[in-house]
């Protein structure tokens, strides 16, 4: 499923160092694609829960992921 794709991408993100700008762009594009046919609000809530429950990451990494997701989510009111 597409939700699994996001979780898989997050796993790769943890292990490979991608430049921050490229990583953010990748996450923004994935979120855009994955929310085209579903509620962005519900999807982001589910994604946040999955990140907190399924991944035991260093807190700074989790905060960085959360900042990128929040930036994307907050930008949607300007884009749509």
N, C-alpha and C. Protein backbone atom coordinates (compact mmCIF):
# COMPACT_ATOMS: atom_id res chain seq x y z
N UNK A 1 0.83 -1.19 0.00
CA UNK A 1 0.00 0.00 0.00
C UNK A 1 0.87 1.24 0.00
N UNK A 2 0.26 2.37 -0.29
CA UNK A 2 1.02 3.62 -0.34
C UNK A 2 1.52 4.02 1.05
N UNK A 3 0.77 3.68 2.09
CA UNK A 3 1.22 4.00 3.44
C UNK A 3 2.49 3.22 3.75
N UNK A 4 2.57 1.97 3.32
CA UNK A 4 3.78 1.17 3.49
C UNK A 4 4.95 1.81 2.75
N UNK A 5 4.69 2.39 1.60
CA UNK A 5 5.73 3.06 0.83
C UNK A 5 6.34 4.20 1.64
N UNK A 6 5.49 4.98 2.30
CA UNK A 6 5.99 6.08 3.12
C UNK A 6 6.84 5.54 4.26
N UNK A 7 6.38 4.49 4.92
CA UNK A 7 7.13 3.92 6.03
C UNK A 7 8.48 3.37 5.55
N UNK A 8 8.48 2.75 4.38
CA UNK A 8 9.72 2.23 3.82
C UNK A 8 10.68 3.38 3.49
N UNK A 9 10.15 4.44 2.92
CA UNK A 9 10.99 5.60 2.60
C UNK A 9 11.58 6.21 3.86
N UNK A 10 10.80 6.25 4.91
CA UNK A 10 11.29 6.77 6.18
C UNK A 10 12.43 5.90 6.71
N UNK A 11 12.31 4.60 6.55
CA UNK A 11 13.37 3.69 6.99
C UNK A 11 14.66 3.96 6.22
N UNK A 12 14.55 4.13 4.92
CA UNK A 12 15.74 4.45 4.14
C UNK A 12 16.34 5.77 4.58
N UNK A 13 15.49 6.71 4.90
CA UNK A 13 15.94 8.02 5.33
C UNK A 13 16.81 7.90 6.58
N UNK A 14 16.41 7.01 7.47
CA UNK A 14 17.17 6.82 8.71
C UNK A 14 18.58 6.33 8.44
N UNK A 15 18.77 5.54 7.41
CA UNK A 15 20.07 4.88 7.20
C UNK A 15 20.96 5.57 6.18
N UNK A 16 20.43 6.39 5.35
CA UNK A 16 21.23 7.06 4.33
C UNK A 16 21.18 8.56 4.54
N UNK A 17 22.32 9.17 4.37
CA UNK A 17 22.40 10.63 4.53
C UNK A 17 22.11 11.28 3.18
N UNK A 18 20.95 11.89 3.13
CA UNK A 18 20.56 12.63 1.93
C UNK A 18 20.59 14.10 2.32
N UNK A 19 21.05 14.93 1.45
CA UNK A 19 21.07 16.35 1.76
C UNK A 19 19.69 16.81 2.18
N UNK A 20 19.65 17.68 3.18
CA UNK A 20 18.38 18.09 3.79
C UNK A 20 17.39 18.63 2.77
N UNK A 21 17.84 19.47 1.85
CA UNK A 21 16.92 20.05 0.88
C UNK A 21 16.33 18.98 -0.04
N UNK A 22 17.17 18.07 -0.50
CA UNK A 22 16.70 16.98 -1.36
C UNK A 22 15.74 16.09 -0.59
N UNK A 23 16.07 15.78 0.66
CA UNK A 23 15.21 14.94 1.50
C UNK A 23 13.86 15.60 1.70
N UNK A 24 13.85 16.87 2.02
CA UNK A 24 12.58 17.58 2.22
C UNK A 24 11.75 17.59 0.94
N UNK A 25 12.40 17.83 -0.17
CA UNK A 25 11.69 17.82 -1.46
C UNK A 25 11.09 16.45 -1.72
N UNK A 26 11.84 15.40 -1.45
CA UNK A 26 11.35 14.04 -1.63
C UNK A 26 10.14 13.78 -0.74
N UNK A 27 10.22 14.17 0.51
CA UNK A 27 9.10 13.96 1.44
C UNK A 27 7.89 14.76 0.99
N UNK A 28 8.08 16.02 0.59
CA UNK A 28 6.97 16.84 0.13
C UNK A 28 6.27 16.19 -1.06
N UNK A 29 7.05 15.71 -2.02
CA UNK A 29 6.46 15.08 -3.21
C UNK A 29 5.73 13.79 -2.85
N UNK A 30 6.30 12.99 -1.97
CA UNK A 30 5.63 11.76 -1.56
C UNK A 30 4.32 12.07 -0.85
N UNK A 31 4.33 13.04 0.04
CA UNK A 31 3.10 13.40 0.75
C UNK A 31 2.05 13.92 -0.22
N UNK A 32 2.48 14.70 -1.19
CA UNK A 32 1.53 15.22 -2.19
C UNK A 32 0.88 14.08 -2.96
N UNK A 33 1.68 13.13 -3.40
CA UNK A 33 1.16 11.99 -4.16
C UNK A 33 0.25 11.13 -3.29
N UNK A 34 0.68 10.87 -2.08
CA UNK A 34 -0.07 9.96 -1.21
C UNK A 34 -1.36 10.56 -0.66
N UNK A 35 -1.52 11.87 -0.77
CA UNK A 35 -2.75 12.49 -0.26
C UNK A 35 -3.64 13.02 -1.39
N UNK A 36 -3.32 12.67 -2.62
CA UNK A 36 -4.14 13.14 -3.75
C UNK A 36 -5.58 12.66 -3.64
N UNK A 37 -5.78 11.42 -3.18
CA UNK A 37 -7.12 10.85 -3.17
C UNK A 37 -7.61 10.54 -1.76
N UNK A 38 -6.99 11.15 -0.77
CA UNK A 38 -7.43 10.94 0.61
C UNK A 38 -7.23 12.22 1.40
N UNK A 39 -7.82 12.27 2.55
CA UNK A 39 -7.73 13.45 3.41
C UNK A 39 -6.30 13.62 3.92
N UNK A 40 -5.71 14.78 3.64
CA UNK A 40 -4.36 15.05 4.12
C UNK A 40 -4.31 15.06 5.64
N UNK A 41 -5.35 15.59 6.26
CA UNK A 41 -5.39 15.66 7.73
C UNK A 41 -5.35 14.27 8.35
N UNK A 42 -6.19 13.39 7.88
CA UNK A 42 -6.24 12.03 8.42
C UNK A 42 -4.95 11.29 8.11
N UNK A 43 -4.45 11.43 6.90
CA UNK A 43 -3.22 10.74 6.52
C UNK A 43 -2.05 11.19 7.40
N UNK A 44 -1.90 12.49 7.60
CA UNK A 44 -0.80 13.00 8.42
C UNK A 44 -0.93 12.52 9.86
N UNK A 45 -2.15 12.49 10.38
CA UNK A 45 -2.35 11.97 11.74
C UNK A 45 -1.92 10.51 11.84
N UNK A 46 -2.30 9.70 10.87
CA UNK A 46 -1.92 8.29 10.86
C UNK A 46 -0.40 8.13 10.70
N UNK A 47 0.18 8.94 9.85
CA UNK A 47 1.62 8.89 9.63
C UNK A 47 2.38 9.26 10.91
N UNK A 48 1.92 10.29 11.59
CA UNK A 48 2.56 10.70 12.84
C UNK A 48 2.48 9.59 13.89
N UNK A 49 1.33 8.95 13.99
CA UNK A 49 1.19 7.83 14.93
C UNK A 49 2.13 6.68 14.57
N UNK A 50 2.21 6.37 13.28
CA UNK A 50 3.08 5.28 12.83
C UNK A 50 4.54 5.59 13.13
N UNK A 51 4.94 6.82 12.91
CA UNK A 51 6.33 7.20 13.19
C UNK A 51 6.63 7.06 14.68
N UNK A 52 5.71 7.50 15.51
CA UNK A 52 5.92 7.42 16.96
C UNK A 52 5.88 5.99 17.47
N UNK A 53 5.01 5.14 16.92
CA UNK A 53 4.82 3.79 17.43
C UNK A 53 5.78 2.77 16.83
N UNK A 54 6.12 2.91 15.57
CA UNK A 54 6.85 1.84 14.88
C UNK A 54 8.34 2.08 14.76
N UNK A 55 8.75 3.31 14.89
CA UNK A 55 10.17 3.61 14.70
C UNK A 55 10.76 4.12 15.98
N UNK A 56 11.83 3.48 16.38
CA UNK A 56 12.55 3.93 17.55
C UNK A 56 13.76 4.70 17.05
N UNK A 57 13.53 5.96 16.79
CA UNK A 57 14.59 6.80 16.22
C UNK A 57 15.14 7.72 17.28
N UNK A 58 16.25 8.27 16.99
CA UNK A 58 16.82 9.29 17.86
C UNK A 58 15.83 10.45 17.88
N UNK A 59 15.52 10.97 19.06
CA UNK A 59 14.51 12.05 19.16
C UNK A 59 14.73 13.20 18.18
N UNK A 60 15.97 13.57 17.93
CA UNK A 60 16.22 14.68 16.99
C UNK A 60 15.80 14.31 15.58
N UNK A 61 15.99 13.06 15.19
CA UNK A 61 15.54 12.62 13.86
C UNK A 61 14.02 12.65 13.78
N UNK A 62 13.37 12.17 14.84
CA UNK A 62 11.91 12.18 14.85
C UNK A 62 11.38 13.61 14.77
N UNK A 63 12.01 14.53 15.47
CA UNK A 63 11.59 15.93 15.44
C UNK A 63 11.80 16.52 14.05
N UNK A 64 12.90 16.15 13.39
CA UNK A 64 13.15 16.65 12.05
C UNK A 64 12.09 16.15 11.08
N UNK A 65 11.75 14.87 11.17
CA UNK A 65 10.70 14.31 10.32
C UNK A 65 9.39 15.04 10.57
N UNK A 66 9.08 15.26 11.83
CA UNK A 66 7.84 15.94 12.19
C UNK A 66 7.80 17.36 11.64
N UNK A 67 8.95 18.06 11.69
CA UNK A 67 9.00 19.43 11.14
C UNK A 67 8.72 19.44 9.64
N UNK A 68 9.28 18.47 8.92
CA UNK A 68 9.06 18.40 7.47
C UNK A 68 7.59 18.11 7.17
N UNK A 69 7.01 17.16 7.89
CA UNK A 69 5.60 16.83 7.68
C UNK A 69 4.72 18.04 8.01
N UNK A 70 4.99 18.70 9.11
CA UNK A 70 4.21 19.88 9.50
C UNK A 70 4.36 21.01 8.49
N UNK A 71 5.57 21.22 7.99
CA UNK A 71 5.78 22.27 6.98
C UNK A 71 4.96 21.97 5.74
N UNK A 72 4.97 20.70 5.30
CA UNK A 72 4.17 20.32 4.14
C UNK A 72 2.69 20.53 4.42
N UNK A 73 2.23 20.04 5.55
CA UNK A 73 0.81 20.13 5.88
C UNK A 73 0.36 21.60 5.95
N UNK A 74 1.15 22.43 6.59
CA UNK A 74 0.79 23.85 6.73
C UNK A 74 0.84 24.58 5.39
N UNK A 75 1.64 24.09 4.46
CA UNK A 75 1.70 24.74 3.15
C UNK A 75 0.52 24.39 2.26
N UNK A 76 -0.24 23.37 2.61
CA UNK A 76 -1.33 22.93 1.75
C UNK A 76 -2.44 23.96 1.62
N UNK A 77 -2.65 24.77 2.64
CA UNK A 77 -3.69 25.80 2.53
C UNK A 77 -3.31 26.85 1.51
N UNK A 78 -2.00 27.05 1.28
CA UNK A 78 -1.55 28.02 0.28
C UNK A 78 -1.55 27.43 -1.12
N UNK A 79 -1.34 26.11 -1.19
CA UNK A 79 -1.23 25.45 -2.50
C UNK A 79 -2.60 25.17 -3.09
N UNK A 80 -3.54 24.74 -2.26
CA UNK A 80 -4.86 24.35 -2.79
C UNK A 80 -5.83 25.50 -2.83
